[in-house]
Amino acid sequence: MRWPFPRREAPPASALAGLERDERVLAWATTGGETMVATTLGLWWTGGERIPWHLITHVVWSGSTLSVTSATEVEPSVLAAEPARSVRLTEPRTLPETVQQRFYGSRSHTARHRLPGGSGVIVVARRVPGQDGLTWYAVYDEPGQRHDPVVRAEVERLLDSARSP
């Protein structure tokens, strides 16, 4: 009797070279000349850079192009958004859906607040693979405002308030 479930095709060995020992592949796709891999720890972008799920702030799938915006932790509890990056997937497989599921699954809380001076901040709570509980961050609309003591105090108050239900 033939096994009723088709065996999944494995990504090229070169795409697996940088993975950690316990990092599991969830999906993969090709971009024409390179391979992108979604794992339990993050999205391996072209060029061999892993973007952790909790640092992805926006995902768009257009049917052929995957666009991802990520952030960098510039100081404890503060993220700075990076420019969006896009790649055309020649063989998307299930990568776009997997990326969207992991992105939305990592988010627990997102709230936008106005700050003194008229700009804003987003307070987010994320699930980080391998860590218990939530990790809380602030993402400033205007990153330079994090140095203003009045604004900083308000953001700390917002974070504290969000952390305690």
Protein backbone atom coordinates (compact mmCIF):
# COMPACT_ATOMS: atom_id res chain seq x y z
CA MET A 1 0.00 0.00 0.00
CA ARG A 2 1.22 3.47 -0.85
CA TRP A 3 1.51 6.06 1.95
CA PRO A 4 -1.42 8.50 1.47
CA PHE A 5 0.48 11.61 2.57
CA PRO A 6 3.04 13.01 0.15
CA ARG A 7 6.46 13.62 1.57
CA ARG A 8 7.35 17.29 1.86
CA GLU A 9 10.22 18.42 -0.26
CA ALA A 10 13.12 19.61 1.87
CA PRO A 11 14.80 22.97 1.30
CA PRO A 12 18.29 22.96 -0.16
CA ALA A 13 20.99 22.01 2.33
CA SER A 14 22.65 25.42 1.89
CA ALA A 15 19.49 27.06 3.33
CA LEU A 16 19.80 24.96 6.49
CA ALA A 17 23.46 25.63 7.20
CA GLY A 18 22.92 28.51 9.67
CA LEU A 19 20.08 26.97 11.66
CA GLU A 20 20.49 26.28 15.36
CA ARG A 21 20.47 22.69 16.51
CA ASP A 22 16.87 22.72 17.79
CA GLU A 23 15.51 25.14 15.15
CA ARG A 24 12.78 23.45 13.09
CA VAL A 25 11.83 24.37 9.51
CA LEU A 26 8.14 25.30 9.13
CA ALA A 27 8.08 26.43 5.48
CA TRP A 28 10.36 27.61 2.72
CA ALA A 29 10.28 29.34 -0.66
CA THR A 30 12.59 30.28 -3.49
CA THR A 31 13.27 33.75 -4.79
CA GLY A 32 14.82 32.78 -8.07
CA GLY A 33 18.36 32.30 -6.88
CA GLU A 34 18.04 32.06 -3.11
CA THR A 35 15.94 30.29 -0.51
CA MET A 36 13.96 31.83 2.34
CA VAL A 37 13.10 29.67 5.34
CA ALA A 38 10.57 30.14 8.14
CA THR A 39 11.57 28.32 11.31
CA THR A 40 10.38 28.10 14.88
CA LEU A 41 12.70 31.01 15.73
CA GLY A 42 12.19 33.39 12.83
CA LEU A 43 12.29 34.16 9.14
CA TRP A 44 15.57 33.56 7.34
CA TRP A 45 15.71 36.36 4.78
CA THR A 46 17.75 36.18 1.60
CA GLY A 47 21.43 36.58 2.34
CA GLY A 48 21.29 34.47 5.50
CA GLU A 49 19.84 36.91 8.06
CA ARG A 50 17.30 35.58 10.55
CA ILE A 51 14.58 38.02 11.63
CA PRO A 52 13.10 36.84 14.96
CA TRP A 53 9.29 36.62 14.92
CA HIS A 54 8.88 39.09 17.78
CA LEU A 55 10.78 41.75 15.83
CA ILE A 56 8.60 41.59 12.72
CA THR A 57 6.19 44.53 12.84
CA HIS A 58 4.31 44.24 9.53
CA VAL A 59 3.80 41.61 6.81
CA VAL A 60 2.18 41.98 3.38
CA TRP A 61 1.73 39.23 0.77
CA SER A 62 0.63 40.50 -2.65
CA GLY A 63 0.42 37.15 -4.42
CA SER A 64 4.00 37.24 -5.70
CA THR A 65 5.87 39.64 -3.41
CA LEU A 66 6.43 39.26 0.32
CA SER A 67 7.08 42.53 2.18
CA VAL A 68 8.31 42.48 5.75
CA THR A 69 8.96 45.35 8.13
CA SER A 70 11.06 44.56 11.15
CA ALA A 71 12.49 46.47 14.10
CA THR A 72 15.69 46.60 16.09
CA GLU A 73 15.83 46.78 19.87
CA VAL A 74 17.76 50.05 20.32
CA GLU A 75 17.59 49.94 24.12
CA PRO A 76 15.69 47.80 26.61
CA SER A 77 11.96 47.86 25.81
CA VAL A 78 12.39 50.26 22.85
CA LEU A 79 12.17 49.20 19.20
CA ALA A 80 13.09 51.29 16.17
CA ALA A 81 11.42 50.37 12.88
CA GLU A 82 13.62 49.40 9.96
CA PRO A 83 12.69 50.17 6.35
CA ALA A 84 10.36 47.60 4.79
CA ARG A 85 11.99 45.04 2.55
CA SER A 86 10.38 43.07 -0.23
CA VAL A 87 11.23 40.01 -2.24
CA ARG A 88 9.50 38.33 -5.16
CA LEU A 89 8.92 34.66 -4.43
CA THR A 90 9.20 32.51 -7.55
CA GLU A 91 8.01 29.41 -5.67
CA PRO A 92 6.15 30.66 -2.57
CA ARG A 93 4.95 27.24 -1.33
CA THR A 94 3.41 27.87 2.12
CA LEU A 95 5.94 30.49 3.24
CA PRO A 96 3.66 33.59 3.00
CA GLU A 97 0.89 31.98 5.07
CA THR A 98 3.37 30.66 7.61
CA VAL A 99 5.02 34.07 7.99
CA GLN A 100 1.65 35.75 8.51
CA GLN A 101 0.55 33.11 11.05
CA ARG A 102 3.79 33.41 13.05
CA PHE A 103 3.69 37.22 12.93
CA TYR A 104 0.11 37.43 14.17
CA GLY A 105 0.69 34.60 16.67
CA SER A 106 3.59 36.47 18.30
CA ARG A 107 1.43 39.53 19.03
CA SER A 108 -0.54 39.67 22.24
CA HIS A 109 -1.18 43.39 22.70
CA THR A 110 -0.88 46.43 20.43
CA ALA A 111 -2.10 49.92 21.36
CA ARG A 112 -1.34 53.33 19.88
CA HIS A 113 -1.08 56.33 22.21
CA ARG A 114 -0.63 60.09 21.67
CA LEU A 115 2.42 61.66 23.29
CA PRO A 116 3.13 65.18 24.53
CA GLY A 117 4.06 67.24 21.50
CA GLY A 118 1.63 65.53 19.14
CA SER A 119 3.45 62.42 17.95
CA GLY A 120 2.69 58.92 19.13
CA VAL A 121 3.96 55.61 20.39
CA ILE A 122 2.84 52.03 19.92
CA VAL A 123 2.98 49.80 22.98
CA VAL A 124 3.29 46.13 22.02
CA ALA A 125 3.55 42.82 23.85
CA ARG A 126 5.15 39.92 22.01
CA ARG A 127 5.70 36.24 22.64
CA VAL A 128 9.38 35.44 22.21
CA PRO A 129 10.26 31.84 21.25
CA GLY A 130 11.94 30.07 24.15
CA GLN A 131 10.81 32.61 26.77
CA ASP A 132 7.88 32.44 29.16
CA GLY A 133 5.44 35.31 29.33
CA LEU A 134 5.33 38.44 27.23
CA THR A 135 8.03 40.92 26.28
CA TRP A 136 6.85 44.55 26.16
CA TYR A 137 8.13 47.22 23.79
CA ALA A 138 7.52 50.82 22.80
CA VAL A 139 7.84 51.91 19.17
CA TYR A 140 8.04 55.71 18.79
CA ASP A 141 6.60 57.43 15.72
CA GLU A 142 9.54 59.84 15.98
CA PRO A 143 12.52 57.87 17.34
CA GLY A 144 14.33 60.99 18.58
CA GLN A 145 11.58 61.58 21.12
CA ARG A 146 12.83 58.70 23.26
CA HIS A 147 15.51 61.12 24.55
CA ASP A 148 12.95 63.67 25.80
CA PRO A 149 12.53 63.09 29.58
CA VAL A 150 8.86 64.15 29.62
CA VAL A 151 7.98 61.86 26.72
CA ARG A 152 10.10 59.05 28.16
CA ALA A 153 8.29 59.26 31.51
CA GLU A 154 4.91 59.07 29.74
CA VAL A 155 6.00 56.03 27.72
CA GLU A 156 7.23 54.29 30.89
CA ARG A 157 3.84 55.00 32.47
CA LEU A 158 2.06 53.56 29.41
CA LEU A 159 4.24 50.44 29.47
CA ASP A 160 3.68 49.93 33.21
CA SER A 161 -0.06 50.41 32.79
CA ALA A 162 -0.23 47.91 29.93
CA ARG A 163 1.83 45.32 31.81
CA SER A 164 -0.54 45.33 34.79
CA PRO A 165 -4.08 44.45 33.77
